Amino acid sequence: KKIEAIIKPFKLDEVKEALVEAEIEGMTVSEVKGYGRQQGHS
C-alpha cells in the first residue's frame, strides 16, 4: 500500500521519528501548498 499523508509542517519530525522507531523506513517528503475546510486566511 502507498500512504500519502498531508500534515502540518511542524509535525513532520514527530511523525518521522515514530515511524522509524516502528521500523517503517523509507519515505518521500515534499513541501506542498493547499487548502481544505480552512479556506486559507487574510
PDB file of all heavy atoms in Angstrom:
ATOM      1  N   LYS A   1       0.836  -1.191   0.000  1.00  0.00           N
ATOM      2  CA  LYS A   1       0.000   0.000   0.000  1.00  0.00           C
ATOM      3  C   LYS A   1       0.875   1.246   0.000  1.00  0.00           C
ATOM      4  O   LYS A   1       1.958   1.264   0.568  1.00  0.00           O
ATOM      5  CB  LYS A   1      -0.883   0.052   1.249  1.00  0.00           C
ATOM      6  CG  LYS A   1      -1.756  -1.153   1.458  1.00  0.00           C
ATOM      7  CD  LYS A   1      -2.871  -1.224   0.462  1.00  0.00           C
ATOM      8  CE  LYS A   1      -3.793  -2.389   0.825  1.00  0.00           C
ATOM      9  NZ  LYS A   1      -4.653  -2.749  -0.260  1.00  0.00           N
ATOM     10  N   LYS A   2       0.369   2.284  -0.640  1.00  0.00           N
ATOM     11  CA  LYS A   2       1.030   3.586  -0.611  1.00  0.00           C
ATOM     12  C   LYS A   2       0.203   4.504   0.270  1.00  0.00           C
ATOM     13  O   LYS A   2      -1.006   4.638   0.084  1.00  0.00           O
ATOM     14  CB  LYS A   2       1.134   4.185  -2.009  1.00  0.00           C
ATOM     15  CG  LYS A   2       1.803   5.549  -2.019  1.00  0.00           C
ATOM     16  CD  LYS A   2       1.883   6.090  -3.435  1.00  0.00           C
ATOM     17  CE  LYS A   2       2.611   7.413  -3.458  1.00  0.00           C
ATOM     18  NZ  LYS A   2       2.665   7.941  -4.833  1.00  0.00           N
ATOM     19  N   ILE A   3       0.879   5.111   1.235  1.00  0.00           N
ATOM     20  CA  ILE A   3       0.234   6.064   2.128  1.00  0.00           C
ATOM     21  C   ILE A   3       0.715   7.452   1.736  1.00  0.00           C
ATOM     22  O   ILE A   3       1.921   7.699   1.665  1.00  0.00           O
ATOM     23  CB  ILE A   3       0.609   5.791   3.597  1.00  0.00           C
ATOM     24  CG1 ILE A   3       0.189   4.387   4.003  1.00  0.00           C
ATOM     25  CG2 ILE A   3      -0.005   6.854   4.506  1.00  0.00           C
ATOM     26  CD1 ILE A   3       0.756   3.959   5.350  1.00  0.00           C
ATOM     27  N   GLU A   4      -0.224   8.336   1.467  1.00  0.00           N
ATOM     28  CA  GLU A   4       0.083   9.738   1.224  1.00  0.00           C
ATOM     29  C   GLU A   4      -0.582  10.520   2.342  1.00  0.00           C
ATOM     30  O   GLU A   4      -1.802  10.480   2.475  1.00  0.00           O
ATOM     31  CB  GLU A   4      -0.453  10.200  -0.124  1.00  0.00           C
ATOM     32  CG  GLU A   4       0.231   9.529  -1.304  1.00  0.00           C
ATOM     33  CD  GLU A   4      -0.351   9.990  -2.624  1.00  0.00           C
ATOM     34  OE1 GLU A   4      -0.101  11.141  -3.010  1.00  0.00           O
ATOM     35  OE2 GLU A   4      -1.064   9.192  -3.240  1.00  0.00           O
ATOM     36  N   ALA A   5       0.211  11.207   3.127  1.00  0.00           N
ATOM     37  CA  ALA A   5      -0.321  11.975   4.246  1.00  0.00           C
ATOM     38  C   ALA A   5       0.031  13.439   4.066  1.00  0.00           C
ATOM     39  O   ALA A   5       1.186  13.779   3.820  1.00  0.00           O
ATOM     40  CB  ALA A   5       0.247  11.454   5.563  1.00  0.00           C
ATOM     41  N   ILE A   6      -0.976  14.289   4.170  1.00  0.00           N
ATOM     42  CA  ILE A   6      -0.783  15.732   4.117  1.00  0.00           C
ATOM     43  C   ILE A   6      -0.903  16.220   5.561  1.00  0.00           C
ATOM     44  O   ILE A   6      -1.958  16.059   6.181  1.00  0.00           O
ATOM     45  CB  ILE A   6      -1.851  16.422   3.240  1.00  0.00           C
ATOM     46  CG1 ILE A   6      -1.977  15.735   1.879  1.00  0.00           C
ATOM     47  CG2 ILE A   6      -1.567  17.905   3.121  1.00  0.00           C
ATOM     48  CD1 ILE A   6      -0.771  15.806   1.005  1.00  0.00           C
ATOM     49  N   ILE A   7       0.181  16.785   6.102  1.00  0.00           N
ATOM     50  CA  ILE A   7       0.196  17.186   7.507  1.00  0.00           C
ATOM     51  C   ILE A   7       0.733  18.600   7.663  1.00  0.00           C
ATOM     52  O   ILE A   7       1.280  19.178   6.721  1.00  0.00           O
ATOM     53  CB  ILE A   7       1.035  16.204   8.363  1.00  0.00           C
ATOM     54  CG1 ILE A   7       2.515  16.246   7.945  1.00  0.00           C
ATOM     55  CG2 ILE A   7       0.482  14.786   8.270  1.00  0.00           C
ATOM     56  CD1 ILE A   7       3.444  15.482   8.869  1.00  0.00           C
ATOM     57  N   LYS A   8       0.606  19.136   8.873  1.00  0.00           N
ATOM     58  CA  LYS A   8       1.174  20.450   9.176  1.00  0.00           C
ATOM     59  C   LYS A   8       2.696  20.318   9.236  1.00  0.00           C
ATOM     60  O   LYS A   8       3.220  19.327   9.751  1.00  0.00           O
ATOM     61  CB  LYS A   8       0.631  20.961  10.501  1.00  0.00           C
ATOM     62  CG  LYS A   8      -0.847  21.308  10.421  1.00  0.00           C
ATOM     63  CD  LYS A   8      -1.343  21.908  11.710  1.00  0.00           C
ATOM     64  CE  LYS A   8      -2.787  22.356  11.534  1.00  0.00           C
ATOM     65  NZ  LYS A   8      -3.302  23.049  12.716  1.00  0.00           N
ATOM     66  N   PRO A   9       3.415  21.315   8.726  1.00  0.00           N
ATOM     67  CA  PRO A   9       4.884  21.224   8.656  1.00  0.00           C
ATOM     68  C   PRO A   9       5.580  20.951   9.989  1.00  0.00           C
ATOM     69  O   PRO A   9       6.532  20.185  10.040  1.00  0.00           O
ATOM     70  CB  PRO A   9       5.300  22.584   8.087  1.00  0.00           C
ATOM     71  CG  PRO A   9       4.116  23.033   7.299  1.00  0.00           C
ATOM     72  CD  PRO A   9       2.913  22.517   8.062  1.00  0.00           C
ATOM     73  N   PHE A  10       5.108  21.536  11.071  1.00  0.00           N
ATOM     74  CA  PHE A  10       5.803  21.374  12.353  1.00  0.00           C
ATOM     75  C   PHE A  10       5.611  19.989  12.965  1.00  0.00           C
ATOM     76  O   PHE A  10       6.244  19.662  13.963  1.00  0.00           O
ATOM     77  CB  PHE A  10       5.393  22.471  13.348  1.00  0.00           C
ATOM     78  CG  PHE A  10       3.956  22.424  13.781  1.00  0.00           C
ATOM     79  CD1 PHE A  10       3.576  21.675  14.884  1.00  0.00           C
ATOM     80  CD2 PHE A  10       2.989  23.139  13.088  1.00  0.00           C
ATOM     81  CE1 PHE A  10       2.257  21.646  15.300  1.00  0.00           C
ATOM     82  CE2 PHE A  10       1.672  23.117  13.492  1.00  0.00           C
ATOM     83  CZ  PHE A  10       1.300  22.370  14.602  1.00  0.00           C
ATOM     84  N   LYS A  11       4.789  19.148  12.357  1.00  0.00           N
ATOM     85  CA  LYS A  11       4.558  17.796  12.856  1.00  0.00           C
ATOM     86  C   LYS A  11       5.443  16.746  12.172  1.00  0.00           C
ATOM     87  O   LYS A  11       5.465  15.585  12.555  1.00  0.00           O
ATOM     88  CB  LYS A  11       3.088  17.397  12.675  1.00  0.00           C
ATOM     89  CG  LYS A  11       2.151  18.105  13.632  1.00  0.00           C
ATOM     90  CD  LYS A  11       2.487  17.679  15.032  1.00  0.00           C
ATOM     91  CE  LYS A  11       1.386  17.925  16.015  1.00  0.00           C
ATOM     92  NZ  LYS A  11       1.666  17.280  17.288  1.00  0.00           N
ATOM     93  N   LEU A  12       6.209  17.144  11.161  1.00  0.00           N
ATOM     94  CA  LEU A  12       7.000  16.199  10.378  1.00  0.00           C
ATOM     95  C   LEU A  12       7.992  15.410  11.225  1.00  0.00           C
ATOM     96  O   LEU A  12       8.041  14.179  11.139  1.00  0.00           O
ATOM     97  CB  LEU A  12       7.744  16.911   9.242  1.00  0.00           C
ATOM     98  CG  LEU A  12       8.697  16.028   8.432  1.00  0.00           C
ATOM     99  CD1 LEU A  12       7.953  14.887   7.759  1.00  0.00           C
ATOM    100  CD2 LEU A  12       9.449  16.856   7.418  1.00  0.00           C
ATOM    101  N   ASP A  13       8.799  16.070  12.033  1.00  0.00           N
ATOM    102  CA  ASP A  13       9.821  15.366  12.815  1.00  0.00           C
ATOM    103  C   ASP A  13       9.212  14.345  13.762  1.00  0.00           C
ATOM    104  O   ASP A  13       9.723  13.229  13.902  1.00  0.00           O
ATOM    105  CB  ASP A  13      10.681  16.356  13.603  1.00  0.00           C
ATOM    106  CG  ASP A  13      11.624  17.137  12.709  1.00  0.00           C
ATOM    107  OD1 ASP A  13      11.924  16.643  11.601  1.00  0.00           O
ATOM    108  OD2 ASP A  13      12.046  18.232  13.110  1.00  0.00           O
ATOM    109  N   GLU A  14       8.125  14.701  14.391  1.00  0.00           N
ATOM    110  CA  GLU A  14       7.450  13.795  15.324  1.00  0.00           C
ATOM    111  C   GLU A  14       6.937  12.545  14.608  1.00  0.00           C
ATOM    112  O   GLU A  14       7.108  11.424  15.091  1.00  0.00           O
ATOM    113  CB  GLU A  14       6.288  14.558  15.971  1.00  0.00           C
ATOM    114  CG  GLU A  14       5.825  14.007  17.283  1.00  0.00           C
ATOM    115  CD  GLU A  14       4.786  14.909  17.929  1.00  0.00           C
ATOM    116  OE1 GLU A  14       4.799  16.142  17.710  1.00  0.00           O
ATOM    117  OE2 GLU A  14       3.955  14.360  18.670  1.00  0.00           O
ATOM    118  N   VAL A  15       6.330  12.734  13.445  1.00  0.00           N
ATOM    119  CA  VAL A  15       5.816  11.604  12.656  1.00  0.00           C
ATOM    120  C   VAL A  15       6.973  10.730  12.179  1.00  0.00           C
ATOM    121  O   VAL A  15       6.935   9.506  12.308  1.00  0.00           O
ATOM    122  CB  VAL A  15       4.970  12.106  11.460  1.00  0.00           C
ATOM    123  CG1 VAL A  15       4.626  10.968  10.516  1.00  0.00           C
ATOM    124  CG2 VAL A  15       3.711  12.799  11.953  1.00  0.00           C
ATOM    125  N   LYS A  16       8.012  11.365  11.642  1.00  0.00           N
ATOM    126  CA  LYS A  16       9.158  10.619  11.111  1.00  0.00           C
ATOM    127  C   LYS A  16       9.824   9.772  12.187  1.00  0.00           C
ATOM    128  O   LYS A  16      10.105   8.592  11.979  1.00  0.00           O
ATOM    129  CB  LYS A  16      10.173  11.580  10.500  1.00  0.00           C
ATOM    130  CG  LYS A  16      11.366  10.884   9.890  1.00  0.00           C
ATOM    131  CD  LYS A  16      12.399  11.904   9.454  1.00  0.00           C
ATOM    132  CE  LYS A  16      13.732  11.366   9.767  1.00  0.00           C
ATOM    133  NZ  LYS A  16      14.674  12.014  10.527  1.00  0.00           N
ATOM    134  N   GLU A  17      10.089  10.359  13.336  1.00  0.00           N
ATOM    135  CA  GLU A  17      10.743   9.626  14.423  1.00  0.00           C
ATOM    136  C   GLU A  17       9.920   8.428  14.878  1.00  0.00           C
ATOM    137  O   GLU A  17      10.463   7.354  15.127  1.00  0.00           O
ATOM    138  CB  GLU A  17      11.007  10.571  15.603  1.00  0.00           C
ATOM    139  CG  GLU A  17      12.112  11.575  15.324  1.00  0.00           C
ATOM    140  CD  GLU A  17      12.213  12.670  16.368  1.00  0.00           C
ATOM    141  OE1 GLU A  17      11.561  12.551  17.435  1.00  0.00           O
ATOM    142  OE2 GLU A  17      12.940  13.642  16.121  1.00  0.00           O
ATOM    143  N   ALA A  18       8.622   8.592  14.965  1.00  0.00           N
ATOM    144  CA  ALA A  18       7.754   7.481  15.386  1.00  0.00           C
ATOM    145  C   ALA A  18       7.717   6.370  14.339  1.00  0.00           C
ATOM    146  O   ALA A  18       7.708   5.186  14.685  1.00  0.00           O
ATOM    147  CB  ALA A  18       6.345   7.988  15.665  1.00  0.00           C
ATOM    148  N   LEU A  19       7.721   6.723  13.066  1.00  0.00           N
ATOM    149  CA  LEU A  19       7.735   5.708  12.001  1.00  0.00           C
ATOM    150  C   LEU A  19       9.046   4.930  12.013  1.00  0.00           C
ATOM    151  O   LEU A  19       9.053   3.708  11.887  1.00  0.00           O
ATOM    152  CB  LEU A  19       7.502   6.354  10.635  1.00  0.00           C
ATOM    153  CG  LEU A  19       6.089   6.855  10.360  1.00  0.00           C
ATOM    154  CD1 LEU A  19       6.060   7.716   9.109  1.00  0.00           C
ATOM    155  CD2 LEU A  19       5.112   5.704  10.247  1.00  0.00           C
ATOM    156  N   VAL A  20      10.167   5.626  12.163  1.00  0.00           N
ATOM    157  CA  VAL A  20      11.468   4.961  12.205  1.00  0.00           C
ATOM    158  C   VAL A  20      11.552   4.036  13.414  1.00  0.00           C
ATOM    159  O   VAL A  20      12.043   2.912  13.319  1.00  0.00           O
ATOM    160  CB  VAL A  20      12.619   5.996  12.208  1.00  0.00           C
ATOM    161  CG1 VAL A  20      13.954   5.347  12.522  1.00  0.00           C
ATOM    162  CG2 VAL A  20      12.683   6.709  10.862  1.00  0.00           C
ATOM    163  N   GLU A  21      11.037   4.493  14.546  1.00  0.00           N
ATOM    164  CA  GLU A  21      11.028   3.669  15.761  1.00  0.00           C
ATOM    165  C   GLU A  21      10.215   2.390  15.572  1.00  0.00           C
ATOM    166  O   GLU A  21      10.540   1.354  16.131  1.00  0.00           O
ATOM    167  CB  GLU A  21      10.443   4.489  16.917  1.00  0.00           C
ATOM    168  CG  GLU A  21      10.612   3.860  18.273  1.00  0.00           C
ATOM    169  CD  GLU A  21      10.146   4.793  19.375  1.00  0.00           C
ATOM    170  OE1 GLU A  21      10.704   5.898  19.481  1.00  0.00           O
ATOM    171  OE2 GLU A  21       9.221   4.407  20.112  1.00  0.00           O
ATOM    172  N   ALA A  22       9.175   2.465  14.735  1.00  0.00           N
ATOM    173  CA  ALA A  22       8.333   1.298  14.451  1.00  0.00           C
ATOM    174  C   ALA A  22       8.888   0.465  13.298  1.00  0.00           C
ATOM    175  O   ALA A  22       8.212  -0.428  12.786  1.00  0.00           O
ATOM    176  CB  ALA A  22       6.917   1.743  14.137  1.00  0.00           C
ATOM    177  N   GLU A  23      10.126   0.760  12.873  1.00  0.00           N
ATOM    178  CA  GLU A  23      10.804   0.060  11.782  1.00  0.00           C
ATOM    179  C   GLU A  23      10.090   0.204  10.443  1.00  0.00           C
ATOM    180  O   GLU A  23      10.141  -0.675   9.594  1.00  0.00           O
ATOM    181  CB  GLU A  23      11.023  -1.412  12.138  1.00  0.00           C
ATOM    182  CG  GLU A  23      11.909  -1.589  13.358  1.00  0.00           C
ATOM    183  CD  GLU A  23      12.139  -3.041  13.723  1.00  0.00           C
ATOM    184  OE1 GLU A  23      11.660  -3.932  12.997  1.00  0.00           O
ATOM    185  OE2 GLU A  23      12.815  -3.270  14.740  1.00  0.00           O
ATOM    186  N   ILE A  24       9.433   1.345  10.268  1.00  0.00           N
ATOM    187  CA  ILE A  24       8.834   1.695   8.978  1.00  0.00           C
ATOM    188  C   ILE A  24       9.759   2.740   8.382  1.00  0.00           C
ATOM    189  O   ILE A  24       9.768   3.890   8.801  1.00  0.00           O
ATOM    190  CB  ILE A  24       7.402   2.235   9.155  1.00  0.00           C
ATOM    191  CG1 ILE A  24       6.517   1.171   9.802  1.00  0.00           C
ATOM    192  CG2 ILE A  24       6.835   2.695   7.814  1.00  0.00           C
ATOM    193  CD1 ILE A  24       5.167   1.666  10.243  1.00  0.00           C
ATOM    194  N   GLU A  25      10.571   2.300   7.425  1.00  0.00           N
ATOM    195  CA  GLU A  25      11.614   3.161   6.885  1.00  0.00           C
ATOM    196  C   GLU A  25      11.362   3.464   5.420  1.00  0.00           C
ATOM    197  O   GLU A  25      10.683   2.722   4.725  1.00  0.00           O
ATOM    198  CB  GLU A  25      12.972   2.493   7.061  1.00  0.00           C
ATOM    199  CG  GLU A  25      13.325   2.274   8.518  1.00  0.00           C
ATOM    200  CD  GLU A  25      14.605   1.489   8.705  1.00  0.00           C
ATOM    201  OE1 GLU A  25      15.031   0.811   7.750  1.00  0.00           O
ATOM    202  OE2 GLU A  25      15.159   1.556   9.805  1.00  0.00           O
ATOM    203  N   GLY A  26      11.942   4.527   4.973  1.00  0.00           N
ATOM    204  CA  GLY A  26      11.828   4.933   3.585  1.00  0.00           C
ATOM    205  C   GLY A  26      10.605   5.789   3.376  1.00  0.00           C
ATOM    206  O   GLY A  26       9.487   5.318   3.512  1.00  0.00           O
ATOM    207  N   MET A  27      10.828   7.052   3.115  1.00  0.00           N
ATOM    208  CA  MET A  27       9.713   7.951   2.848  1.00  0.00           C
ATOM    209  C   MET A  27      10.175   9.064   1.934  1.00  0.00           C
ATOM    210  O   MET A  27      11.362   9.367   1.860  1.00  0.00           O
ATOM    211  CB  MET A  27       9.133   8.523   4.143  1.00  0.00           C
ATOM    212  CG  MET A  27      10.019   9.518   4.846  1.00  0.00           C
ATOM    213  SD  MET A  27       9.222  10.347   6.242  1.00  0.00           S
ATOM    214  CE  MET A  27       8.923   8.991   7.340  1.00  0.00           C
ATOM    215  N   THR A  28       9.228   9.633   1.243  1.00  0.00           N
ATOM    216  CA  THR A  28       9.470  10.810   0.426  1.00  0.00           C
ATOM    217  C   THR A  28       8.679  11.948   1.046  1.00  0.00           C
ATOM    218  O   THR A  28       7.517  11.779   1.396  1.00  0.00           O
ATOM    219  CB  THR A  28       9.004  10.577  -1.027  1.00  0.00           C
ATOM    220  OG1 THR A  28       9.725   9.467  -1.558  1.00  0.00           O
ATOM    221  CG2 THR A  28       9.248  11.801  -1.894  1.00  0.00           C
ATOM    222  N   VAL A  29       9.323  13.095   1.189  1.00  0.00           N
ATOM    223  CA  VAL A  29       8.679  14.257   1.797  1.00  0.00           C
ATOM    224  C   VAL A  29       8.729  15.415   0.808  1.00  0.00           C
ATOM    225  O   VAL A  29       9.778  15.697   0.230  1.00  0.00           O
ATOM    226  CB  VAL A  29       9.387  14.647   3.114  1.00  0.00           C
ATOM    227  CG1 VAL A  29       8.779  15.903   3.705  1.00  0.00           C
ATOM    228  CG2 VAL A  29       9.331  13.504   4.109  1.00  0.00           C
ATOM    229  N   SER A  30       7.593  16.067   0.629  1.00  0.00           N
ATOM    230  CA  SER A  30       7.506  17.217  -0.270  1.00  0.00           C
ATOM    231  C   SER A  30       6.850  18.377   0.458  1.00  0.00           C
ATOM    232  O   SER A  30       5.927  18.175   1.252  1.00  0.00           O
ATOM    233  CB  SER A  30       6.646  16.891  -1.499  1.00  0.00           C
ATOM    234  OG  SER A  30       7.100  15.739  -2.151  1.00  0.00           O
ATOM    235  N   GLU A  31       7.326  19.571   0.172  1.00  0.00           N
ATOM    236  CA  GLU A  31       6.652  20.767   0.659  1.00  0.00           C
ATOM    237  C   GLU A  31       5.574  21.103  -0.361  1.00  0.00           C
ATOM    238  O   GLU A  31       5.868  21.276  -1.547  1.00  0.00           O
ATOM    239  CB  GLU A  31       7.630  21.918   0.801  1.00  0.00           C
ATOM    240  CG  GLU A  31       8.652  21.693   1.891  1.00  0.00           C
ATOM    241  CD  GLU A  31       9.631  22.854   2.038  1.00  0.00           C
ATOM    242  OE1 GLU A  31       9.433  23.902   1.365  1.00  0.00           O
ATOM    243  OE2 GLU A  31      10.579  22.701   2.800  1.00  0.00           O
ATOM    244  N   VAL A  32       4.341  21.168   0.098  1.00  0.00           N
ATOM    245  CA  VAL A  32       3.212  21.437  -0.793  1.00  0.00           C
ATOM    246  C   VAL A  32       2.376  22.568  -0.217  1.00  0.00           C
ATOM    247  O   VAL A  32       2.566  22.984   0.924  1.00  0.00           O
ATOM    248  CB  VAL A  32       2.344  20.169  -1.003  1.00  0.00           C
ATOM    249  CG1 VAL A  32       3.135  19.074  -1.700  1.00  0.00           C
ATOM    250  CG2 VAL A  32       1.777  19.664   0.313  1.00  0.00           C
ATOM    251  N   LYS A  33       1.457  23.063  -1.007  1.00  0.00           N
ATOM    252  CA  LYS A  33       0.505  24.072  -0.549  1.00  0.00           C
ATOM    253  C   LYS A  33      -0.889  23.617  -0.919  1.00  0.00           C
ATOM    254  O   LYS A  33      -1.091  22.970  -1.946  1.00  0.00           O
ATOM    255  CB  LYS A  33       0.795  25.427  -1.202  1.00  0.00           C
ATOM    256  CG  LYS A  33       2.092  26.039  -0.758  1.00  0.00           C
ATOM    257  CD  LYS A  33       2.277  27.395  -1.365  1.00  0.00           C
ATOM    258  CE  LYS A  33       3.583  27.994  -0.872  1.00  0.00           C
ATOM    259  NZ  LYS A  33       3.725  29.376  -1.286  1.00  0.00           N
ATOM    260  N   GLY A  34      -1.838  23.941  -0.069  1.00  0.00           N
ATOM    261  CA  GLY A  34      -3.208  23.564  -0.363  1.00  0.00           C
ATOM    262  C   GLY A  34      -4.161  24.114   0.668  1.00  0.00           C
ATOM    263  O   GLY A  34      -3.772  24.834   1.583  1.00  0.00           O
ATOM    264  N   TYR A  35      -5.419  23.779   0.497  1.00  0.00           N
ATOM    265  CA  TYR A  35      -6.419  24.144   1.488  1.00  0.00           C
ATOM    266  C   TYR A  35      -7.572  23.159   1.417  1.00  0.00           C
ATOM    267  O   TYR A  35      -7.792  22.496   0.420  1.00  0.00           O
ATOM    268  CB  TYR A  35      -6.927  25.575   1.295  1.00  0.00           C
ATOM    269  CG  TYR A  35      -7.810  25.760   0.086  1.00  0.00           C
ATOM    270  CD1 TYR A  35      -9.187  25.619   0.187  1.00  0.00           C
ATOM    271  CD2 TYR A  35      -7.269  26.078  -1.148  1.00  0.00           C
ATOM    272  CE1 TYR A  35     -10.005  25.782  -0.924  1.00  0.00           C
ATOM    273  CE2 TYR A  35      -8.059  26.246  -2.257  1.00  0.00           C
ATOM    274  CZ  TYR A  35      -9.435  26.103  -2.140  1.00  0.00           C
ATOM    275  OH  TYR A  35     -10.231  26.267  -3.225  1.00  0.00           O
ATOM    276  N   GLY A  36      -8.262  23.053   2.502  1.00  0.00           N
ATOM    277  CA  GLY A  36      -9.454  22.221   2.601  1.00  0.00           C
ATOM    278  C   GLY A  36     -10.535  23.069   3.230  1.00  0.00           C
ATOM    279  O   GLY A  36     -10.856  24.152   2.746  1.00  0.00           O
ATOM    280  N   ARG A  37     -11.019  22.642   4.358  1.00  0.00           N
ATOM    281  CA  ARG A  37     -12.053  23.405   5.059  1.00  0.00           C
ATOM    282  C   ARG A  37     -11.514  24.710   5.638  1.00  0.00           C
ATOM    283  O   ARG A  37     -12.278  25.607   5.958  1.00  0.00           O
ATOM    284  CB  ARG A  37     -12.651  22.560   6.175  1.00  0.00           C
ATOM    285  CG  ARG A  37     -13.472  21.420   5.637  1.00  0.00           C
ATOM    286  CD  ARG A  37     -14.163  20.696   6.743  1.00  0.00           C
ATOM    287  NE  ARG A  37     -14.913  19.581   6.178  1.00  0.00           N
ATOM    288  CZ  ARG A  37     -15.353  18.574   6.879  1.00  0.00           C
ATOM    289  NH1 ARG A  37     -15.126  18.508   8.170  1.00  0.00           N
ATOM    290  NH2 ARG A  37     -16.029  17.610   6.295  1.00  0.00           N
ATOM    291  N   GLN A  38     -10.190  24.816   5.772  1.00  0.00           N
ATOM    292  CA  GLN A  38      -9.600  26.042   6.305  1.00  0.00           C
ATOM    293  C   GLN A  38      -9.899  27.239   5.421  1.00  0.00           C
ATOM    294  O   GLN A  38     -10.027  28.352   5.898  1.00  0.00           O
ATOM    295  CB  GLN A  38      -8.076  25.901   6.406  1.00  0.00           C
ATOM    296  CG  GLN A  38      -7.609  25.060   7.547  1.00  0.00           C
ATOM    297  CD  GLN A  38      -6.106  24.919   7.472  1.00  0.00           C
ATOM    298  OE1 GLN A  38      -5.603  24.209   6.624  1.00  0.00           O
ATOM    299  NE2 GLN A  38      -5.409  25.593   8.349  1.00  0.00           N
ATOM    300  N   GLN A  39      -9.936  27.043   4.124  1.00  0.00           N
ATOM    301  CA  GLN A  39     -10.185  28.094   3.136  1.00  0.00           C
ATOM    302  C   GLN A  39      -9.163  29.216   3.182  1.00  0.00           C
ATOM    303  O   GLN A  39      -9.432  30.324   2.759  1.00  0.00           O
ATOM    304  CB  GLN A  39     -11.596  28.683   3.337  1.00  0.00           C
ATOM    305  CG  GLN A  39     -12.706  27.691   3.144  1.00  0.00           C
ATOM    306  CD  GLN A  39     -12.804  27.198   1.722  1.00  0.00           C
ATOM    307  OE1 GLN A  39     -12.702  27.972   0.778  1.00  0.00           O
ATOM    308  NE2 GLN A  39     -12.996  25.908   1.551  1.00  0.00           N
ATOM    309  N   GLY A  40      -7.983  28.980   3.704  1.00  0.00           N
ATOM    310  CA  GLY A  40      -6.938  29.999   3.737  1.00  0.00           C
ATOM    311  C   GLY A  40      -7.207  31.044   4.808  1.00  0.00           C
ATOM    312  O   GLY A  40      -8.024  30.850   5.690  1.00  0.00           O
ATOM    313  N   HIS A  41      -6.508  32.181   4.718  1.00  0.00           N
ATOM    314  CA  HIS A  41      -6.680  33.254   5.686  1.00  0.00           C
ATOM    315  C   HIS A  41      -6.223  34.571   5.068  1.00  0.00           C
ATOM    316  O   HIS A  41      -5.644  34.600   3.988  1.00  0.00           O
ATOM    317  CB  HIS A  41      -5.900  32.956   6.977  1.00  0.00           C
ATOM    318  CG  HIS A  41      -4.419  32.883   6.769  1.00  0.00           C
ATOM    319  ND1 HIS A  41      -3.790  31.775   6.269  1.00  0.00           N
ATOM    320  CD2 HIS A  41      -3.443  33.811   6.980  1.00  0.00           C
ATOM    321  CE1 HIS A  41      -2.487  32.006   6.191  1.00  0.00           C
ATOM    322  NE2 HIS A  41      -2.247  33.229   6.610  1.00  0.00           N
ATOM    323  N   SER A  42      -6.502  35.675   5.763  1.00  0.00           N
ATOM    324  CA  SER A  42      -6.105  37.001   5.285  1.00  0.00           C
ATOM    325  C   SER A  42      -4.884  37.480   6.049  1.00  0.00           C
ATOM    326  O   SER A  42      -4.736  37.198   7.234  1.00  0.00           O
ATOM    327  CB  SER A  42      -7.249  38.002   5.486  1.00  0.00           C
ATOM    328  OG  SER A  42      -8.370  37.620   4.728  1.00  0.00           O
TER     329      SER A  42
END
